[in-house]
Amino acid sequence: MNILALDCGTKTGYATNLLNGEGSGVVDFKPKARESGGMRFLRFASWLSEMFDLVKPDLVVYEMPHNRGGSATEVLNGMVAIVQKECASRGIEYTTVHSATLKKFATGSGRAGKEDMIHKAIEVFNKRILDDNEADALWLLEYAKEEFK
């Protein structure tokens, strides 16, 4: 099963079990000077379409957004809508994972912090982790591999 795991946000973490064995990283969608915030969504949609063409996922898993208000909520909800639209248009299944569930899966504690998630990812995956977004995406991938064998 080809899986694409996403930690959506201005800095989106991704992980897949297809690219060179285990591919992961972070893509920054921050608008450039004098760009509208909508450009972030256009770039994200274009990147996501390219990833879908490359990975050909059977399943997309992403961290459930928390609606705390402000621009972060707007960005997350917009990106999730794009993920769901792209999945629906291609007939790809998708699912979400609550952050506390992911933290407990990764570290044993649903209250783990970003640094805990990064350190545990370095230990388990034995690789350089760019930031918490990549760590979360790697954990989402592992979670999906366990849950949806």
Protein backbone atom coordinates (compact mmCIF):
# COMPACT_ATOMS: atom_id res chain seq x y z
CA MET A 1 0.00 0.00 0.00
CA ASN A 2 1.40 3.40 -0.99
CA ILE A 3 0.88 5.94 1.79
CA LEU A 4 1.37 9.70 1.80
CA ALA A 5 1.47 11.25 5.28
CA LEU A 6 1.04 15.01 5.69
CA ASP A 7 1.51 17.41 8.57
CA CYS A 8 -0.24 20.35 6.88
CA GLY A 9 0.66 23.95 7.57
CA THR A 10 2.68 26.82 6.17
CA LYS A 11 5.59 24.44 6.63
CA THR A 12 4.15 21.11 5.54
CA GLY A 13 5.88 17.93 6.59
CA TYR A 14 5.48 14.90 4.36
CA ALA A 15 6.50 11.26 4.44
CA THR A 16 5.89 8.36 2.12
CA ASN A 17 6.85 4.72 2.02
CA LEU A 18 7.52 4.94 -1.72
CA LEU A 19 10.23 7.54 -2.46
CA ASN A 20 13.62 5.80 -2.27
CA GLY A 21 12.33 3.46 0.39
CA GLU A 22 11.27 6.05 2.92
CA GLY A 23 11.03 9.64 1.67
CA SER A 24 10.29 12.59 3.91
CA GLY A 25 10.86 16.30 4.18
CA VAL A 26 9.36 19.74 4.63
CA VAL A 27 8.00 22.20 2.07
CA ASP A 28 7.53 25.89 2.96
CA PHE A 29 4.41 27.52 1.50
CA LYS A 30 4.87 30.91 3.13
CA PRO A 31 3.68 33.66 0.77
CA LYS A 32 6.44 35.72 -0.76
CA ALA A 33 6.61 39.52 -0.47
CA ARG A 34 3.54 41.24 -1.94
CA GLU A 35 1.70 37.95 -2.52
CA SER A 36 -1.77 37.30 -1.20
CA GLY A 37 -2.25 34.53 1.32
CA GLY A 38 -4.12 32.62 -1.37
CA MET A 39 -0.87 31.98 -3.21
CA ARG A 40 0.08 29.55 -0.42
CA PHE A 41 -2.96 27.46 -1.35
CA LEU A 42 -2.20 27.56 -5.08
CA ARG A 43 1.37 26.39 -4.48
CA PHE A 44 0.21 23.73 -2.00
CA ALA A 45 -2.40 22.41 -4.47
CA SER A 46 0.19 22.25 -7.26
CA TRP A 47 2.75 20.51 -5.04
CA LEU A 48 0.14 18.06 -3.73
CA SER A 49 -0.94 17.14 -7.25
CA GLU A 50 2.70 16.47 -8.17
CA MET A 51 3.16 14.33 -5.04
CA PHE A 52 0.02 12.33 -5.87
CA ASP A 53 1.31 11.75 -9.41
CA LEU A 54 4.69 10.62 -8.05
CA VAL A 55 3.59 8.54 -5.06
CA LYS A 56 0.25 7.28 -6.41
CA PRO A 57 -1.03 6.86 -2.85
CA ASP A 58 -3.69 4.37 -1.90
CA LEU A 59 -4.10 6.24 1.38
CA VAL A 60 -3.42 9.78 2.56
CA VAL A 61 -3.14 10.35 6.29
CA TYR A 62 -2.87 13.76 7.90
CA GLU A 63 -2.88 15.25 11.36
CA MET A 64 -6.30 16.48 12.39
CA PRO A 65 -6.32 20.30 12.51
CA HIS A 66 -7.19 21.97 15.80
CA ASN A 67 -9.40 25.00 15.37
CA ARG A 68 -7.81 27.45 17.78
CA GLY A 69 -8.69 30.51 15.71
CA GLY A 70 -6.58 33.01 13.83
CA SER A 71 -4.62 32.60 10.64
CA ALA A 72 -3.19 29.17 11.55
CA THR A 73 -6.72 27.74 11.64
CA GLU A 74 -7.53 29.37 8.32
CA VAL A 75 -4.39 27.93 6.73
CA LEU A 76 -4.96 24.42 8.11
CA ASN A 77 -8.62 24.29 7.11
CA GLY A 78 -7.76 25.51 3.61
CA MET A 79 -5.05 22.91 3.19
CA VAL A 80 -7.23 20.11 4.51
CA ALA A 81 -9.95 21.10 2.03
CA ILE A 82 -7.39 20.88 -0.78
CA VAL A 83 -6.21 17.45 0.42
CA GLN A 84 -9.78 16.15 0.62
CA LYS A 85 -10.67 17.57 -2.83
CA GLU A 86 -7.59 16.04 -4.44
CA CYS A 87 -8.28 12.68 -2.79
CA ALA A 88 -11.95 12.73 -3.81
CA SER A 89 -11.16 13.65 -7.41
CA ARG A 90 -8.70 10.73 -7.67
CA GLY A 91 -10.67 8.16 -5.66
CA ILE A 92 -8.04 8.00 -2.90
CA GLU A 93 -8.93 7.13 0.67
CA TYR A 94 -7.89 9.55 3.42
CA THR A 95 -7.98 9.63 7.18
CA THR A 96 -6.94 11.87 10.05
CA VAL A 97 -5.07 11.23 13.28
CA HIS A 98 -5.58 13.35 16.38
CA SER A 99 -2.35 14.90 17.65
CA ALA A 100 -2.70 13.32 21.11
CA THR A 101 -3.15 9.88 19.51
CA LEU A 102 -0.05 10.45 17.39
CA LYS A 103 2.00 11.66 20.37
CA LYS A 104 1.00 8.62 22.42
CA PHE A 105 1.84 6.30 19.51
CA ALA A 106 5.26 7.93 19.05
CA THR A 107 6.39 8.57 22.61
CA GLY A 108 3.97 6.79 24.92
CA SER A 109 2.55 10.12 26.15
CA GLY A 110 -0.33 12.01 24.56
CA ARG A 111 1.14 15.19 26.05
CA ALA A 112 4.58 14.94 24.43
CA GLY A 113 6.05 18.19 23.13
CA LYS A 114 7.52 18.97 19.72
CA GLU A 115 11.07 18.31 20.93
CA ASP A 116 10.01 14.93 22.35
CA MET A 117 8.54 13.97 18.97
CA ILE A 118 11.70 15.07 17.15
CA HIS A 119 14.08 13.27 19.53
CA LYS A 120 12.08 10.06 19.39
CA ALA A 121 11.95 10.26 15.57
CA ILE A 122 15.75 10.67 15.39
CA GLU A 123 16.13 7.66 17.67
CA VAL A 124 13.65 5.42 15.84
CA PHE A 125 14.23 6.44 12.21
CA ASN A 126 17.99 6.97 12.62
CA LYS A 127 18.05 10.01 10.36
CA ARG A 128 18.41 13.77 10.48
CA ILE A 129 14.99 15.33 11.09
CA LEU A 130 14.47 18.84 9.69
CA ASP A 131 11.84 19.96 12.21
CA ASP A 132 8.68 18.96 14.05
CA ASN A 133 6.71 18.94 10.78
CA GLU A 134 8.88 16.21 9.27
CA ALA A 135 8.88 14.29 12.56
CA ASP A 136 5.09 14.39 12.72
CA ALA A 137 4.79 13.26 9.10
CA LEU A 138 7.12 10.31 9.75
CA TRP A 139 5.07 9.33 12.80
CA LEU A 140 1.85 9.65 10.76
CA LEU A 141 3.34 7.29 8.18
CA GLU A 142 4.33 4.76 10.86
CA TYR A 143 0.91 5.03 12.48
CA ALA A 144 -0.83 4.40 9.13
CA LYS A 145 1.44 1.44 8.37
CA GLU A 146 0.48 -0.13 11.71
CA GLU A 147 -3.24 0.68 11.58
CA PHE A 148 -3.94 -0.07 7.92
CA LYS A 149 -1.83 -3.16 7.14
